[in-house]
Amino acid sequence: MNIKKYEQSGLIIESNSGYKVAIDIGYYTPVEKFDVISVDAMLISHIHKDHFSLEQIKKLSPNKLYLGKDCIESLNNEKLSSEIIEVKTGDQININDFKILIFDVDHGPNVKAPVESNFGYLIEVDNKKIYYAGEMFYQSGIDVTSLEVDYVIIPIGGYYTFGPKEALTFLSKFKKIGNITPMHYQKNPEIKEEFVKLAVACGINAESIIF
């Protein structure tokens, strides 16, 4: 299993068999990066354009596209080559090698218009477990106190999501974490250094933090 991080909150996870699932690749990632890349499936956590961009979706050309109801309604009969599959909080979906639990995430008070759906994902693939926190501002979603995961992918940018301190407080709730991948710091890249300093002060090995 391999995880490739893209701008803002974007990911492509490739299983050992070569099946590729993209998550939240939005307009921050130039489409030229995908000139020779395609994916088998794509998940979109919510409707904001830094996560949900038709240009990037068309370029990646997933066979299956998993969207919440509000994202589907926003398509306005846009013609896509992908099979569009509606998902909601509590769904557990199986996509080839991937087993994915979808849960609700609280985006916080600073979003101009409340989103109808805002997902996080618990992903199992190749005997690895990945927790994708999505756009989390308040601690929310599934109970993590008994959760052992190989990767936590968590926002640290602040204002619309956790800042570094809030992210670390949430991380301390997990039973066990292997690696941490911070995300959603595109507008404030210097915050990465702050996060690492605070994490090390909390006893987290800096080598386990993967940007």
C-alpha atoms as a PDB file:
ATOM      1  CA  MET A   1       0.000   0.000   0.000  1.00  0.00           C
ATOM      2  CA  ASN A   2       1.245   3.464  -0.879  1.00  0.00           C
ATOM      3  CA  ILE A   3      -0.121   6.916   0.012  1.00  0.00           C
ATOM      4  CA  LYS A   4       0.672   9.901  -2.199  1.00  0.00           C
ATOM      5  CA  LYS A   5      -0.158  13.311  -0.709  1.00  0.00           C
ATOM      6  CA  TYR A   6      -1.320  16.210  -2.873  1.00  0.00           C
ATOM      7  CA  GLU A   7      -2.084  19.861  -2.156  1.00  0.00           C
ATOM      8  CA  GLN A   8      -4.526  20.853   0.600  1.00  0.00           C
ATOM      9  CA  SER A   9      -6.225  17.572   1.558  1.00  0.00           C
ATOM     10  CA  GLY A  10      -5.724  15.473  -1.558  1.00  0.00           C
ATOM     11  CA  LEU A  11      -4.553  11.857  -1.548  1.00  0.00           C
ATOM     12  CA  ILE A  12      -4.148   8.913  -3.845  1.00  0.00           C
ATOM     13  CA  ILE A  13      -3.930   5.572  -2.054  1.00  0.00           C
ATOM     14  CA  GLU A  14      -2.704   2.639  -4.123  1.00  0.00           C
ATOM     15  CA  SER A  15      -3.155  -0.923  -2.900  1.00  0.00           C
ATOM     16  CA  ASN A  16      -0.586  -3.658  -3.420  1.00  0.00           C
ATOM     17  CA  SER A  17      -2.656  -4.920  -6.354  1.00  0.00           C
ATOM     18  CA  GLY A  18      -2.407  -1.506  -8.064  1.00  0.00           C
ATOM     19  CA  TYR A  19      -5.985  -0.334  -7.411  1.00  0.00           C
ATOM     20  CA  LYS A  20      -6.015   3.455  -6.855  1.00  0.00           C
ATOM     21  CA  VAL A  21      -8.450   5.491  -4.778  1.00  0.00           C
ATOM     22  CA  ALA A  22      -8.278   9.308  -4.787  1.00  0.00           C
ATOM     23  CA  ILE A  23      -9.630  11.479  -1.973  1.00  0.00           C
ATOM     24  CA  ASP A  24     -10.450  15.199  -2.016  1.00  0.00           C
ATOM     25  CA  ILE A  25      -8.212  16.349  -4.828  1.00  0.00           C
ATOM     26  CA  GLY A  26      -9.408  19.883  -5.469  1.00  0.00           C
ATOM     27  CA  TYR A  27      -8.425  22.978  -7.370  1.00  0.00           C
ATOM     28  CA  TYR A  28      -5.171  23.567  -5.448  1.00  0.00           C
ATOM     29  CA  THR A  29      -3.611  20.642  -7.315  1.00  0.00           C
ATOM     30  CA  PRO A  30      -2.742  21.565 -10.927  1.00  0.00           C
ATOM     31  CA  VAL A  31      -4.405  19.173 -13.374  1.00  0.00           C
ATOM     32  CA  GLU A  32      -1.074  18.835 -15.202  1.00  0.00           C
ATOM     33  CA  LYS A  33       0.110  16.654 -12.338  1.00  0.00           C
ATOM     34  CA  PHE A  34      -2.287  13.986 -13.602  1.00  0.00           C
ATOM     35  CA  ASP A  35      -1.252  13.927 -17.257  1.00  0.00           C
ATOM     36  CA  VAL A  36      -0.122  10.305 -16.857  1.00  0.00           C
ATOM     37  CA  ILE A  37      -2.176   9.362 -13.772  1.00  0.00           C
ATOM     38  CA  SER A  38      -5.673   7.957 -13.553  1.00  0.00           C
ATOM     39  CA  VAL A  39      -7.530   6.390 -10.631  1.00  0.00           C
ATOM     40  CA  ASP A  40     -10.068   3.612 -10.238  1.00  0.00           C
ATOM     41  CA  ALA A  41     -12.270   5.357  -7.685  1.00  0.00           C
ATOM     42  CA  MET A  42     -12.580   8.737  -6.020  1.00  0.00           C
ATOM     43  CA  LEU A  43     -14.118   9.926  -2.743  1.00  0.00           C
ATOM     44  CA  ILE A  44     -15.172  13.517  -2.071  1.00  0.00           C
ATOM     45  CA  SER A  45     -15.721  14.516   1.539  1.00  0.00           C
ATOM     46  CA  HIS A  46     -17.736  17.681   0.882  1.00  0.00           C
ATOM     47  CA  ILE A  47     -18.717  20.312  -1.627  1.00  0.00           C
ATOM     48  CA  HIS A  48     -16.035  22.992  -1.131  1.00  0.00           C
ATOM     49  CA  LYS A  49     -13.959  23.502  -4.268  1.00  0.00           C
ATOM     50  CA  ASP A  50     -10.603  22.812  -2.601  1.00  0.00           C
ATOM     51  CA  HIS A  51     -11.930  19.248  -2.247  1.00  0.00           C
ATOM     52  CA  PHE A  52     -14.511  18.950  -5.030  1.00  0.00           C
ATOM     53  CA  SER A  53     -13.361  20.158  -8.450  1.00  0.00           C
ATOM     54  CA  LEU A  54     -14.851  18.948 -11.718  1.00  0.00           C
ATOM     55  CA  GLU A  55     -11.689  19.772 -13.622  1.00  0.00           C
ATOM     56  CA  GLN A  56      -9.593  17.507 -11.413  1.00  0.00           C
ATOM     57  CA  ILE A  57     -12.256  14.778 -11.419  1.00  0.00           C
ATOM     58  CA  LYS A  58     -12.402  14.763 -15.204  1.00  0.00           C
ATOM     59  CA  LYS A  59      -8.627  14.632 -15.470  1.00  0.00           C
ATOM     60  CA  LEU A  60      -8.312  11.701 -13.051  1.00  0.00           C
ATOM     61  CA  SER A  61     -11.268   9.963 -14.733  1.00  0.00           C
ATOM     62  CA  PRO A  62     -12.263   7.571 -11.922  1.00  0.00           C
ATOM     63  CA  ASN A  63     -14.463   4.633 -12.859  1.00  0.00           C
ATOM     64  CA  LYS A  64     -16.455   5.195  -9.675  1.00  0.00           C
ATOM     65  CA  LEU A  65     -17.118   8.527  -7.941  1.00  0.00           C
ATOM     66  CA  TYR A  66     -18.510   8.508  -4.395  1.00  0.00           C
ATOM     67  CA  LEU A  67     -20.360  11.709  -3.443  1.00  0.00           C
ATOM     68  CA  GLY A  68     -22.762  13.063  -0.853  1.00  0.00           C
ATOM     69  CA  LYS A  69     -26.216  14.188  -1.933  1.00  0.00           C
ATOM     70  CA  ASP A  70     -25.338  17.901  -2.092  1.00  0.00           C
ATOM     71  CA  CYS A  71     -22.320  17.265  -4.332  1.00  0.00           C
ATOM     72  CA  ILE A  72     -24.464  15.187  -6.664  1.00  0.00           C
ATOM     73  CA  GLU A  73     -27.124  17.893  -6.828  1.00  0.00           C
ATOM     74  CA  SER A  74     -24.477  20.514  -7.636  1.00  0.00           C
ATOM     75  CA  LEU A  75     -23.449  18.635 -10.777  1.00  0.00           C
ATOM     76  CA  ASN A  76     -26.501  20.042 -12.593  1.00  0.00           C
ATOM     77  CA  ASN A  77     -26.543  17.250 -15.193  1.00  0.00           C
ATOM     78  CA  GLU A  78     -22.807  17.649 -15.850  1.00  0.00           C
ATOM     79  CA  LYS A  79     -21.760  14.719 -17.998  1.00  0.00           C
ATOM     80  CA  LEU A  80     -19.017  12.651 -16.403  1.00  0.00           C
ATOM     81  CA  SER A  81     -17.574   9.353 -17.533  1.00  0.00           C
ATOM     82  CA  SER A  82     -17.600   8.077 -13.933  1.00  0.00           C
ATOM     83  CA  GLU A  83     -20.317   5.998 -12.323  1.00  0.00           C
ATOM     84  CA  ILE A  84     -21.701   8.288  -9.584  1.00  0.00           C
ATOM     85  CA  ILE A  85     -22.551   6.583  -6.308  1.00  0.00           C
ATOM     86  CA  GLU A  86     -24.325   8.465  -3.513  1.00  0.00           C
ATOM     87  CA  VAL A  87     -23.000   7.848  -0.003  1.00  0.00           C
ATOM     88  CA  LYS A  88     -24.019   9.059   3.433  1.00  0.00           C
ATOM     89  CA  THR A  89     -22.818   9.020   7.033  1.00  0.00           C
ATOM     90  CA  GLY A  90     -22.647   5.509   8.442  1.00  0.00           C
ATOM     91  CA  ASP A  91     -22.164   3.772   5.103  1.00  0.00           C
ATOM     92  CA  GLN A  92     -19.510   1.100   4.848  1.00  0.00           C
ATOM     93  CA  ILE A  93     -18.410   0.563   1.278  1.00  0.00           C
ATOM     94  CA  ASN A  94     -16.175  -2.041  -0.276  1.00  0.00           C
ATOM     95  CA  ILE A  95     -14.168  -0.975  -3.323  1.00  0.00           C
ATOM     96  CA  ASN A  96     -11.892  -3.692  -4.630  1.00  0.00           C
ATOM     97  CA  ASP A  97      -9.151  -4.040  -1.953  1.00  0.00           C
ATOM     98  CA  PHE A  98     -10.563  -1.182   0.147  1.00  0.00           C
ATOM     99  CA  LYS A  99     -13.064  -1.270   2.999  1.00  0.00           C
ATOM    100  CA  ILE A 100     -14.182   2.248   3.936  1.00  0.00           C
ATOM    101  CA  LEU A 101     -16.393   3.487   6.781  1.00  0.00           C
ATOM    102  CA  ILE A 102     -17.902   6.934   6.230  1.00  0.00           C
ATOM    103  CA  PHE A 103     -18.550   9.184   9.234  1.00  0.00           C
ATOM    104  CA  ASP A 104     -19.710  12.736   9.817  1.00  0.00           C
ATOM    105  CA  VAL A 105     -17.246  15.533  10.656  1.00  0.00           C
ATOM    106  CA  ASP A 106     -18.011  18.938  12.207  1.00  0.00           C
ATOM    107  CA  HIS A 107     -16.600  21.716   9.999  1.00  0.00           C
ATOM    108  CA  GLY A 108     -17.037  24.353  12.709  1.00  0.00           C
ATOM    109  CA  PRO A 109     -18.536  27.849  12.911  1.00  0.00           C
ATOM    110  CA  ASN A 110     -16.403  29.701  10.343  1.00  0.00           C
ATOM    111  CA  VAL A 111     -17.844  28.115   7.220  1.00  0.00           C
ATOM    112  CA  LYS A 112     -19.903  30.751   5.390  1.00  0.00           C
ATOM    113  CA  ALA A 113     -22.671  28.333   4.439  1.00  0.00           C
ATOM    114  CA  PRO A 114     -23.177  25.071   6.367  1.00  0.00           C
ATOM    115  CA  VAL A 115     -22.447  22.002   4.259  1.00  0.00           C
ATOM    116  CA  GLU A 116     -25.059  19.282   4.037  1.00  0.00           C
ATOM    117  CA  SER A 117     -22.491  16.506   4.243  1.00  0.00           C
ATOM    118  CA  ASN A 118     -18.886  16.597   5.431  1.00  0.00           C
ATOM    119  CA  PHE A 119     -17.272  13.194   5.653  1.00  0.00           C
ATOM    120  CA  GLY A 120     -14.287  11.566   7.283  1.00  0.00           C
ATOM    121  CA  TYR A 121     -13.143   8.054   6.353  1.00  0.00           C
ATOM    122  CA  LEU A 122     -11.755   5.024   8.124  1.00  0.00           C
ATOM    123  CA  ILE A 123      -9.985   3.034   5.428  1.00  0.00           C
ATOM    124  CA  GLU A 124      -8.677  -0.529   5.584  1.00  0.00           C
ATOM    125  CA  VAL A 125      -6.461  -1.837   2.804  1.00  0.00           C
ATOM    126  CA  ASP A 126      -3.639  -4.410   2.677  1.00  0.00           C
ATOM    127  CA  ASN A 127      -3.924  -4.987   6.431  1.00  0.00           C
ATOM    128  CA  LYS A 128      -3.332  -1.287   7.082  1.00  0.00           C
ATOM    129  CA  LYS A 129      -5.770   1.105   8.724  1.00  0.00           C
ATOM    130  CA  ILE A 130      -5.950   4.776   7.717  1.00  0.00           C
ATOM    131  CA  TYR A 131      -7.982   7.435   9.538  1.00  0.00           C
ATOM    132  CA  TYR A 132      -8.801  10.428   7.310  1.00  0.00           C
ATOM    133  CA  ALA A 133     -10.166  13.230   9.504  1.00  0.00           C
ATOM    134  CA  GLY A 134     -11.514  15.412   6.691  1.00  0.00           C
ATOM    135  CA  GLU A 135     -12.375  19.040   7.483  1.00  0.00           C
ATOM    136  CA  MET A 136     -12.582  18.618  11.254  1.00  0.00           C
ATOM    137  CA  PHE A 137     -12.857  21.741  13.411  1.00  0.00           C
ATOM    138  CA  TYR A 138     -14.529  20.220  16.481  1.00  0.00           C
ATOM    139  CA  GLN A 139     -13.754  16.701  17.664  1.00  0.00           C
ATOM    140  CA  SER A 140     -16.433  14.611  15.995  1.00  0.00           C
ATOM    141  CA  GLY A 141     -17.083  11.433  14.036  1.00  0.00           C
ATOM    142  CA  ILE A 142     -16.388   7.957  15.376  1.00  0.00           C
ATOM    143  CA  ASP A 143     -14.984   7.168  18.814  1.00  0.00           C
ATOM    144  CA  VAL A 144     -11.201   6.868  18.428  1.00  0.00           C
ATOM    145  CA  THR A 145     -10.263   6.018  22.012  1.00  0.00           C
ATOM    146  CA  SER A 146      -9.931   2.300  21.243  1.00  0.00           C
ATOM    147  CA  LEU A 147      -8.696   2.799  17.681  1.00  0.00           C
ATOM    148  CA  GLU A 148      -5.289   1.559  16.557  1.00  0.00           C
ATOM    149  CA  VAL A 149      -4.300   2.901  13.141  1.00  0.00           C
ATOM    150  CA  ASP A 150      -1.244   2.912  10.917  1.00  0.00           C
ATOM    151  CA  TYR A 151      -1.882   6.437   9.609  1.00  0.00           C
ATOM    152  CA  VAL A 152      -3.857   9.462  10.763  1.00  0.00           C
ATOM    153  CA  ILE A 153      -4.353  12.148   8.132  1.00  0.00           C
ATOM    154  CA  ILE A 154      -5.428  15.303   9.936  1.00  0.00           C
ATOM    155  CA  PRO A 155      -5.900  19.035   9.188  1.00  0.00           C
ATOM    156  CA  ILE A 156      -3.704  21.563  11.012  1.00  0.00           C
ATOM    157  CA  GLY A 157      -4.423  24.825   9.167  1.00  0.00           C
ATOM    158  CA  GLY A 158      -6.777  26.458  11.648  1.00  0.00           C
ATOM    159  CA  TYR A 159      -9.854  28.693  11.169  1.00  0.00           C
ATOM    160  CA  TYR A 160     -11.848  26.181   9.098  1.00  0.00           C
ATOM    161  CA  THR A 161     -10.244  23.135  10.751  1.00  0.00           C
ATOM    162  CA  PHE A 162      -8.107  22.091  13.702  1.00  0.00           C
ATOM    163  CA  GLY A 163      -5.029  24.183  14.296  1.00  0.00           C
ATOM    164  CA  PRO A 164      -1.837  22.439  15.477  1.00  0.00           C
ATOM    165  CA  LYS A 165      -2.803  22.407  19.182  1.00  0.00           C
ATOM    166  CA  GLU A 166      -6.311  21.148  18.518  1.00  0.00           C
ATOM    167  CA  ALA A 167      -5.018  18.477  16.155  1.00  0.00           C
ATOM    168  CA  LEU A 168      -2.559  17.207  18.758  1.00  0.00           C
ATOM    169  CA  THR A 169      -5.242  17.141  21.448  1.00  0.00           C
ATOM    170  CA  PHE A 170      -7.364  14.986  19.172  1.00  0.00           C
ATOM    171  CA  LEU A 171      -4.440  12.724  18.269  1.00  0.00           C
ATOM    172  CA  SER A 172      -3.873  12.040  21.954  1.00  0.00           C
ATOM    173  CA  LYS A 173      -7.316  10.362  22.079  1.00  0.00           C
ATOM    174  CA  PHE A 174      -6.283   7.450  19.837  1.00  0.00           C
ATOM    175  CA  LYS A 175      -5.191   4.182  21.430  1.00  0.00           C
ATOM    176  CA  LYS A 176      -2.277   3.859  19.003  1.00  0.00           C
ATOM    177  CA  ILE A 177      -1.009   5.726  15.925  1.00  0.00           C
ATOM    178  CA  GLY A 178       1.790   4.692  13.587  1.00  0.00           C
ATOM    179  CA  ASN A 179       2.283   7.749  11.365  1.00  0.00           C
ATOM    180  CA  ILE A 180       0.760  11.214  11.151  1.00  0.00           C
ATOM    181  CA  THR A 181       0.209  13.078   7.892  1.00  0.00           C
ATOM    182  CA  PRO A 182      -0.842  16.726   8.410  1.00  0.00           C
ATOM    183  CA  MET A 183      -2.978  18.377   5.736  1.00  0.00           C
ATOM    184  CA  HIS A 184      -4.969  21.506   4.920  1.00  0.00           C
ATOM    185  CA  TYR A 185      -2.162  24.006   5.497  1.00  0.00           C
ATOM    186  CA  GLN A 186      -1.906  25.274   1.898  1.00  0.00           C
ATOM    187  CA  LYS A 187      -2.682  28.885   2.823  1.00  0.00           C
ATOM    188  CA  ASN A 188      -0.338  28.798   5.801  1.00  0.00           C
ATOM    189  CA  PRO A 189       2.608  26.481   4.982  1.00  0.00           C
ATOM    190  CA  GLU A 190       4.775  27.797   7.824  1.00  0.00           C
ATOM    191  CA  ILE A 191       2.354  26.161  10.256  1.00  0.00           C
ATOM    192  CA  LYS A 192       4.020  22.825   9.488  1.00  0.00           C
ATOM    193  CA  GLU A 193       7.065  23.781  11.549  1.00  0.00           C
ATOM    194  CA  GLU A 194       4.856  24.844  14.463  1.00  0.00           C
ATOM    195  CA  PHE A 195       3.038  21.526  14.363  1.00  0.00           C
ATOM    196  CA  VAL A 196       6.266  19.506  14.418  1.00  0.00           C
ATOM    197  CA  LYS A 197       7.680  21.504  17.361  1.00  0.00           C
ATOM    198  CA  LEU A 198       4.504  21.034  19.375  1.00  0.00           C
ATOM    199  CA  ALA A 199       4.297  17.359  18.457  1.00  0.00           C
ATOM    200  CA  VAL A 200       7.860  16.684  19.577  1.00  0.00           C
ATOM    201  CA  ALA A 201       7.155  18.530  22.823  1.00  0.00           C
ATOM    202  CA  CYS A 202       4.230  16.144  23.323  1.00  0.00           C
ATOM    203  CA  GLY A 203       6.538  13.157  22.921  1.00  0.00           C
ATOM    204  CA  ILE A 204       5.747  12.322  19.306  1.00  0.00           C
ATOM    205  CA  ASN A 205       8.683  11.114  17.202  1.00  0.00           C
ATOM    206  CA  ALA A 206       9.292  13.678  14.440  1.00  0.00           C
ATOM    207  CA  GLU A 207      10.101  10.827  12.025  1.00  0.00           C
ATOM    208  CA  SER A 208       6.518   9.595  12.317  1.00  0.00           C
ATOM    209  CA  ILE A 209       5.215  12.896  10.871  1.00  0.00           C
ATOM    210  CA  ILE A 210       5.029  12.619   7.089  1.00  0.00           C
ATOM    211  CA  PHE A 211       4.239  15.712   5.011  1.00  0.00           C
END
